[in-house]
Amino acid sequence: MLTDNLPLAAVPLSTNLALVRQIILEKLQNYSVQIYLFGSQARGNARPTSDIDVAILPKEPLPMGLLAEVREALFDSIIPVQVDLVDLSQAEENFKQRILREAIEWKD
């Protein structure tokens, strides 16, 4: 892996976010979805070891197994931190609204 010889703190957060964004946009490019960054990364108080929280809001139901493919691609990538992917269409309304209040929408 590209980051195997680097301490975690040596991998810039912006690089991790760019890679996550690239993977998700690539995997979901044929679908109408809104993609949001939330959590400590969106609030600006993330540390080098903080996870990356991403939410998606599809306009129509996604094919079965597609989110599993996205999660697998993120897991198999060189991103050295955990990436949590949430489908807001499946989330409880209170959780969804809390995420959307602080989220930053990623547009392609």
N, C-alpha and C. Protein backbone atom coordinates (compact mmCIF):
# COMPACT_ATOMS: atom_id res chain seq x y z
N MET A 1 0.82 -1.18 0.00
CA MET A 1 0.00 0.00 0.00
C MET A 1 0.87 1.25 0.00
N LEU A 2 0.35 2.30 -0.57
CA LEU A 2 1.07 3.55 -0.66
C LEU A 2 1.43 4.12 0.69
N THR A 3 0.58 3.93 1.67
CA THR A 3 0.79 4.54 2.98
C THR A 3 1.43 3.61 3.99
N ASP A 4 1.85 2.42 3.59
CA ASP A 4 2.37 1.44 4.54
C ASP A 4 3.56 1.95 5.35
N ASN A 5 4.41 2.74 4.76
CA ASN A 5 5.61 3.20 5.45
C ASN A 5 5.47 4.57 6.09
N LEU A 6 4.29 5.13 6.04
CA LEU A 6 4.07 6.45 6.62
C LEU A 6 3.31 6.33 7.92
N PRO A 7 3.69 7.14 8.92
CA PRO A 7 2.85 7.17 10.11
C PRO A 7 1.49 7.76 9.74
N LEU A 8 0.45 7.34 10.46
CA LEU A 8 -0.90 7.78 10.15
C LEU A 8 -0.99 9.30 10.07
N ALA A 9 -0.30 9.99 10.97
CA ALA A 9 -0.36 11.45 10.99
C ALA A 9 0.26 12.07 9.75
N ALA A 10 1.08 11.31 9.01
CA ALA A 10 1.75 11.84 7.83
C ALA A 10 0.84 11.87 6.61
N VAL A 11 -0.28 11.18 6.66
CA VAL A 11 -1.21 11.18 5.54
C VAL A 11 -2.20 12.32 5.76
N PRO A 12 -2.16 13.35 4.92
CA PRO A 12 -3.03 14.50 5.14
C PRO A 12 -4.51 14.12 5.10
N LEU A 13 -5.29 14.75 5.99
CA LEU A 13 -6.73 14.50 6.00
C LEU A 13 -7.35 14.81 4.65
N SER A 14 -6.88 15.87 4.01
CA SER A 14 -7.44 16.25 2.72
C SER A 14 -7.23 15.15 1.67
N THR A 15 -6.12 14.45 1.76
CA THR A 15 -5.86 13.34 0.84
C THR A 15 -6.85 12.21 1.07
N ASN A 16 -7.07 11.88 2.34
CA ASN A 16 -8.04 10.84 2.67
C ASN A 16 -9.43 11.20 2.16
N LEU A 17 -9.85 12.44 2.41
CA LEU A 17 -11.18 12.88 1.97
C LEU A 17 -11.29 12.84 0.45
N ALA A 18 -10.25 13.26 -0.24
CA ALA A 18 -10.27 13.25 -1.70
C ALA A 18 -10.41 11.82 -2.23
N LEU A 19 -9.70 10.89 -1.61
CA LEU A 19 -9.79 9.49 -2.05
C LEU A 19 -11.17 8.90 -1.78
N VAL A 20 -11.72 9.19 -0.61
CA VAL A 20 -13.07 8.71 -0.28
C VAL A 20 -14.07 9.26 -1.28
N ARG A 21 -13.99 10.56 -1.52
CA ARG A 21 -14.91 11.22 -2.45
C ARG A 21 -14.79 10.59 -3.84
N GLN A 22 -13.57 10.38 -4.31
CA GLN A 22 -13.34 9.81 -5.63
C GLN A 22 -13.95 8.41 -5.75
N ILE A 23 -13.73 7.58 -4.76
CA ILE A 23 -14.25 6.21 -4.79
C ILE A 23 -15.77 6.21 -4.81
N ILE A 24 -16.37 7.01 -3.93
CA ILE A 24 -17.84 7.02 -3.84
C ILE A 24 -18.45 7.58 -5.12
N LEU A 25 -17.92 8.69 -5.61
CA LEU A 25 -18.47 9.27 -6.84
C LEU A 25 -18.33 8.32 -8.02
N GLU A 26 -17.21 7.63 -8.09
CA GLU A 26 -16.99 6.68 -9.18
C GLU A 26 -17.99 5.52 -9.12
N LYS A 27 -18.20 4.98 -7.94
CA LYS A 27 -19.10 3.83 -7.79
C LYS A 27 -20.57 4.21 -7.99
N LEU A 28 -20.92 5.46 -7.67
CA LEU A 28 -22.33 5.88 -7.74
C LEU A 28 -22.62 6.81 -8.91
N GLN A 29 -21.69 6.91 -9.85
CA GLN A 29 -21.82 7.88 -10.93
C GLN A 29 -23.06 7.68 -11.80
N ASN A 30 -23.59 6.49 -11.87
CA ASN A 30 -24.75 6.22 -12.72
C ASN A 30 -26.08 6.32 -11.97
N TYR A 31 -26.02 6.83 -10.74
CA TYR A 31 -27.22 6.89 -9.91
C TYR A 31 -27.43 8.32 -9.41
N SER A 32 -28.68 8.67 -9.22
CA SER A 32 -29.01 10.00 -8.73
C SER A 32 -29.01 9.98 -7.20
N VAL A 33 -27.90 10.44 -6.63
CA VAL A 33 -27.76 10.46 -5.17
C VAL A 33 -27.13 11.77 -4.73
N GLN A 34 -27.48 12.17 -3.53
CA GLN A 34 -26.78 13.27 -2.87
C GLN A 34 -25.80 12.63 -1.90
N ILE A 35 -24.59 13.19 -1.82
CA ILE A 35 -23.55 12.64 -0.97
C ILE A 35 -23.11 13.71 0.01
N TYR A 36 -23.03 13.34 1.29
CA TYR A 36 -22.71 14.30 2.34
C TYR A 36 -21.56 13.80 3.21
N LEU A 37 -20.70 14.72 3.57
CA LEU A 37 -19.68 14.49 4.59
C LEU A 37 -20.27 15.01 5.89
N PHE A 38 -20.16 14.22 6.97
CA PHE A 38 -20.66 14.70 8.26
C PHE A 38 -19.71 14.25 9.36
N GLY A 39 -20.03 14.58 10.59
CA GLY A 39 -19.18 14.21 11.72
C GLY A 39 -18.01 15.16 11.88
N SER A 40 -16.96 14.68 12.53
CA SER A 40 -15.83 15.55 12.87
C SER A 40 -15.15 16.12 11.64
N GLN A 41 -15.14 15.38 10.54
CA GLN A 41 -14.53 15.90 9.31
C GLN A 41 -15.29 17.12 8.81
N ALA A 42 -16.61 17.09 8.87
CA ALA A 42 -17.42 18.22 8.40
C ALA A 42 -17.35 19.39 9.38
N ARG A 43 -17.25 19.07 10.67
CA ARG A 43 -17.17 20.14 11.68
C ARG A 43 -15.80 20.80 11.73
N GLY A 44 -14.80 20.14 11.17
CA GLY A 44 -13.46 20.70 11.16
C GLY A 44 -12.64 20.39 12.39
N ASN A 45 -13.08 19.44 13.21
CA ASN A 45 -12.31 19.10 14.41
C ASN A 45 -11.80 17.65 14.37
N ALA A 46 -11.57 17.15 13.17
CA ALA A 46 -11.07 15.78 13.02
C ALA A 46 -9.59 15.71 13.35
N ARG A 47 -9.18 14.56 13.86
CA ARG A 47 -7.77 14.27 14.12
C ARG A 47 -7.28 13.30 13.05
N PRO A 48 -5.98 13.07 12.97
CA PRO A 48 -5.47 12.15 11.95
C PRO A 48 -6.08 10.75 12.02
N THR A 49 -6.51 10.33 13.20
CA THR A 49 -7.08 8.99 13.35
C THR A 49 -8.61 8.98 13.32
N SER A 50 -9.23 10.14 13.13
CA SER A 50 -10.70 10.20 13.09
C SER A 50 -11.23 9.45 11.88
N ASP A 51 -12.38 8.81 12.08
CA ASP A 51 -13.01 8.14 10.95
C ASP A 51 -13.60 9.19 10.01
N ILE A 52 -14.03 8.74 8.86
CA ILE A 52 -14.66 9.61 7.88
C ILE A 52 -16.10 9.15 7.73
N ASP A 53 -17.04 10.05 8.04
CA ASP A 53 -18.46 9.73 8.00
C ASP A 53 -19.07 10.31 6.73
N VAL A 54 -19.68 9.45 5.93
CA VAL A 54 -20.30 9.86 4.68
C VAL A 54 -21.72 9.33 4.65
N ALA A 55 -22.65 10.19 4.23
CA ALA A 55 -24.04 9.78 4.09
C ALA A 55 -24.45 9.95 2.63
N ILE A 56 -25.28 9.05 2.18
CA ILE A 56 -25.84 9.19 0.84
C ILE A 56 -27.36 9.23 0.95
N LEU A 57 -27.96 9.99 0.04
CA LEU A 57 -29.42 10.08 -0.02
C LEU A 57 -29.83 9.84 -1.47
N PRO A 58 -30.18 8.60 -1.80
CA PRO A 58 -30.57 8.30 -3.18
C PRO A 58 -31.97 8.83 -3.49
N LYS A 59 -32.15 9.30 -4.71
CA LYS A 59 -33.48 9.77 -5.13
C LYS A 59 -34.41 8.59 -5.40
N GLU A 60 -33.83 7.45 -5.75
CA GLU A 60 -34.58 6.21 -5.97
C GLU A 60 -33.81 5.09 -5.29
N PRO A 61 -34.49 4.00 -4.95
CA PRO A 61 -33.77 2.88 -4.32
C PRO A 61 -32.60 2.41 -5.18
N LEU A 62 -31.49 2.14 -4.51
CA LEU A 62 -30.29 1.66 -5.21
C LEU A 62 -30.38 0.15 -5.38
N PRO A 63 -29.71 -0.38 -6.40
CA PRO A 63 -29.71 -1.83 -6.59
C PRO A 63 -29.15 -2.55 -5.35
N MET A 64 -29.73 -3.69 -5.06
CA MET A 64 -29.27 -4.47 -3.92
C MET A 64 -27.79 -4.81 -4.09
N GLY A 65 -27.04 -4.61 -3.04
CA GLY A 65 -25.63 -4.95 -3.06
C GLY A 65 -24.70 -3.81 -3.47
N LEU A 66 -25.26 -2.72 -4.01
CA LEU A 66 -24.40 -1.63 -4.48
C LEU A 66 -23.64 -0.98 -3.33
N LEU A 67 -24.32 -0.70 -2.22
CA LEU A 67 -23.63 -0.07 -1.09
C LEU A 67 -22.57 -1.00 -0.51
N ALA A 68 -22.82 -2.28 -0.54
CA ALA A 68 -21.80 -3.24 -0.09
C ALA A 68 -20.57 -3.15 -0.99
N GLU A 69 -20.77 -2.96 -2.29
CA GLU A 69 -19.65 -2.79 -3.22
C GLU A 69 -18.86 -1.52 -2.90
N VAL A 70 -19.59 -0.44 -2.60
CA VAL A 70 -18.93 0.82 -2.26
C VAL A 70 -18.12 0.66 -0.98
N ARG A 71 -18.74 0.05 0.02
CA ARG A 71 -18.03 -0.17 1.29
C ARG A 71 -16.78 -1.04 1.09
N GLU A 72 -16.90 -2.06 0.26
CA GLU A 72 -15.76 -2.94 -0.01
C GLU A 72 -14.64 -2.17 -0.71
N ALA A 73 -15.00 -1.32 -1.67
CA ALA A 73 -13.99 -0.52 -2.38
C ALA A 73 -13.29 0.42 -1.41
N LEU A 74 -14.03 1.00 -0.48
CA LEU A 74 -13.43 1.89 0.52
C LEU A 74 -12.50 1.10 1.44
N PHE A 75 -12.95 -0.08 1.86
CA PHE A 75 -12.15 -0.92 2.75
C PHE A 75 -10.86 -1.38 2.07
N ASP A 76 -10.95 -1.71 0.80
CA ASP A 76 -9.80 -2.21 0.05
C ASP A 76 -8.85 -1.11 -0.42
N SER A 77 -9.23 0.14 -0.23
CA SER A 77 -8.42 1.26 -0.71
C SER A 77 -7.23 1.51 0.22
N ILE A 78 -6.44 2.51 -0.13
CA ILE A 78 -5.28 2.87 0.68
C ILE A 78 -5.63 3.84 1.81
N ILE A 79 -6.90 4.13 1.98
CA ILE A 79 -7.33 5.06 3.03
C ILE A 79 -7.03 4.42 4.38
N PRO A 80 -6.20 5.08 5.22
CA PRO A 80 -5.73 4.45 6.46
C PRO A 80 -6.67 4.61 7.66
N VAL A 81 -7.86 5.15 7.44
CA VAL A 81 -8.81 5.31 8.55
C VAL A 81 -10.13 4.67 8.14
N GLN A 82 -10.96 4.41 9.13
CA GLN A 82 -12.27 3.80 8.87
C GLN A 82 -13.18 4.80 8.17
N VAL A 83 -13.95 4.31 7.21
CA VAL A 83 -14.95 5.13 6.52
C VAL A 83 -16.31 4.51 6.81
N ASP A 84 -17.19 5.31 7.42
CA ASP A 84 -18.55 4.85 7.70
C ASP A 84 -19.48 5.43 6.65
N LEU A 85 -20.23 4.58 5.97
CA LEU A 85 -21.15 4.99 4.91
C LEU A 85 -22.57 4.71 5.37
N VAL A 86 -23.39 5.76 5.40
CA VAL A 86 -24.76 5.67 5.89
C VAL A 86 -25.73 5.96 4.75
N ASP A 87 -26.73 5.12 4.59
CA ASP A 87 -27.79 5.35 3.61
C ASP A 87 -28.93 6.07 4.34
N LEU A 88 -29.08 7.36 4.05
CA LEU A 88 -30.09 8.15 4.76
C LEU A 88 -31.52 7.73 4.44
N SER A 89 -31.72 7.06 3.31
CA SER A 89 -33.07 6.59 2.99
C SER A 89 -33.50 5.46 3.92
N GLN A 90 -32.53 4.84 4.60
CA GLN A 90 -32.81 3.76 5.53
C GLN A 90 -32.69 4.19 7.00
N ALA A 91 -32.31 5.45 7.23
CA ALA A 91 -32.06 5.93 8.59
C ALA A 91 -33.34 6.47 9.23
N GLU A 92 -33.36 6.44 10.56
CA GLU A 92 -34.48 7.04 11.29
C GLU A 92 -34.48 8.54 11.02
N GLU A 93 -35.66 9.13 11.01
CA GLU A 93 -35.81 10.55 10.65
C GLU A 93 -34.99 11.48 11.54
N ASN A 94 -34.97 11.23 12.86
CA ASN A 94 -34.19 12.09 13.77
C ASN A 94 -32.71 12.04 13.44
N PHE A 95 -32.19 10.85 13.19
CA PHE A 95 -30.78 10.69 12.84
C PHE A 95 -30.49 11.38 11.51
N LYS A 96 -31.37 11.19 10.54
CA LYS A 96 -31.21 11.82 9.23
C LYS A 96 -31.15 13.34 9.36
N GLN A 97 -32.06 13.92 10.11
CA GLN A 97 -32.09 15.38 10.27
C GLN A 97 -30.85 15.89 11.00
N ARG A 98 -30.38 15.14 11.99
CA ARG A 98 -29.17 15.54 12.72
C ARG A 98 -27.96 15.55 11.77
N ILE A 99 -27.86 14.55 10.94
CA ILE A 99 -26.77 14.50 9.97
C ILE A 99 -26.86 15.67 9.00
N LEU A 100 -28.04 15.90 8.44
CA LEU A 100 -28.20 16.94 7.43
C LEU A 100 -27.94 18.35 7.98
N ARG A 101 -28.16 18.55 9.27
CA ARG A 101 -27.90 19.87 9.88
C ARG A 101 -26.42 20.24 9.83
N GLU A 102 -25.55 19.27 10.00
CA GLU A 102 -24.11 19.57 10.05
C GLU A 102 -23.37 19.18 8.78
N ALA A 103 -24.04 18.52 7.88
CA ALA A 103 -23.36 17.92 6.72
C ALA A 103 -22.93 18.95 5.69
N ILE A 104 -21.90 18.55 4.95
CA ILE A 104 -21.43 19.30 3.79
C ILE A 104 -21.71 18.43 2.58
N GLU A 105 -22.47 18.96 1.63
CA GLU A 105 -22.79 18.16 0.45
C GLU A 105 -21.60 18.12 -0.49
N TRP A 106 -21.30 16.91 -0.96
CA TRP A 106 -20.24 16.71 -1.97
C TRP A 106 -20.91 16.68 -3.32
N LYS A 107 -20.49 17.56 -4.20
CA LYS A 107 -21.01 17.57 -5.57
C LYS A 107 -19.89 17.20 -6.51
N ASP A 108 -20.25 16.56 -7.60
CA ASP A 108 -19.19 16.16 -8.55
C ASP A 108 -18.82 17.26 -9.51
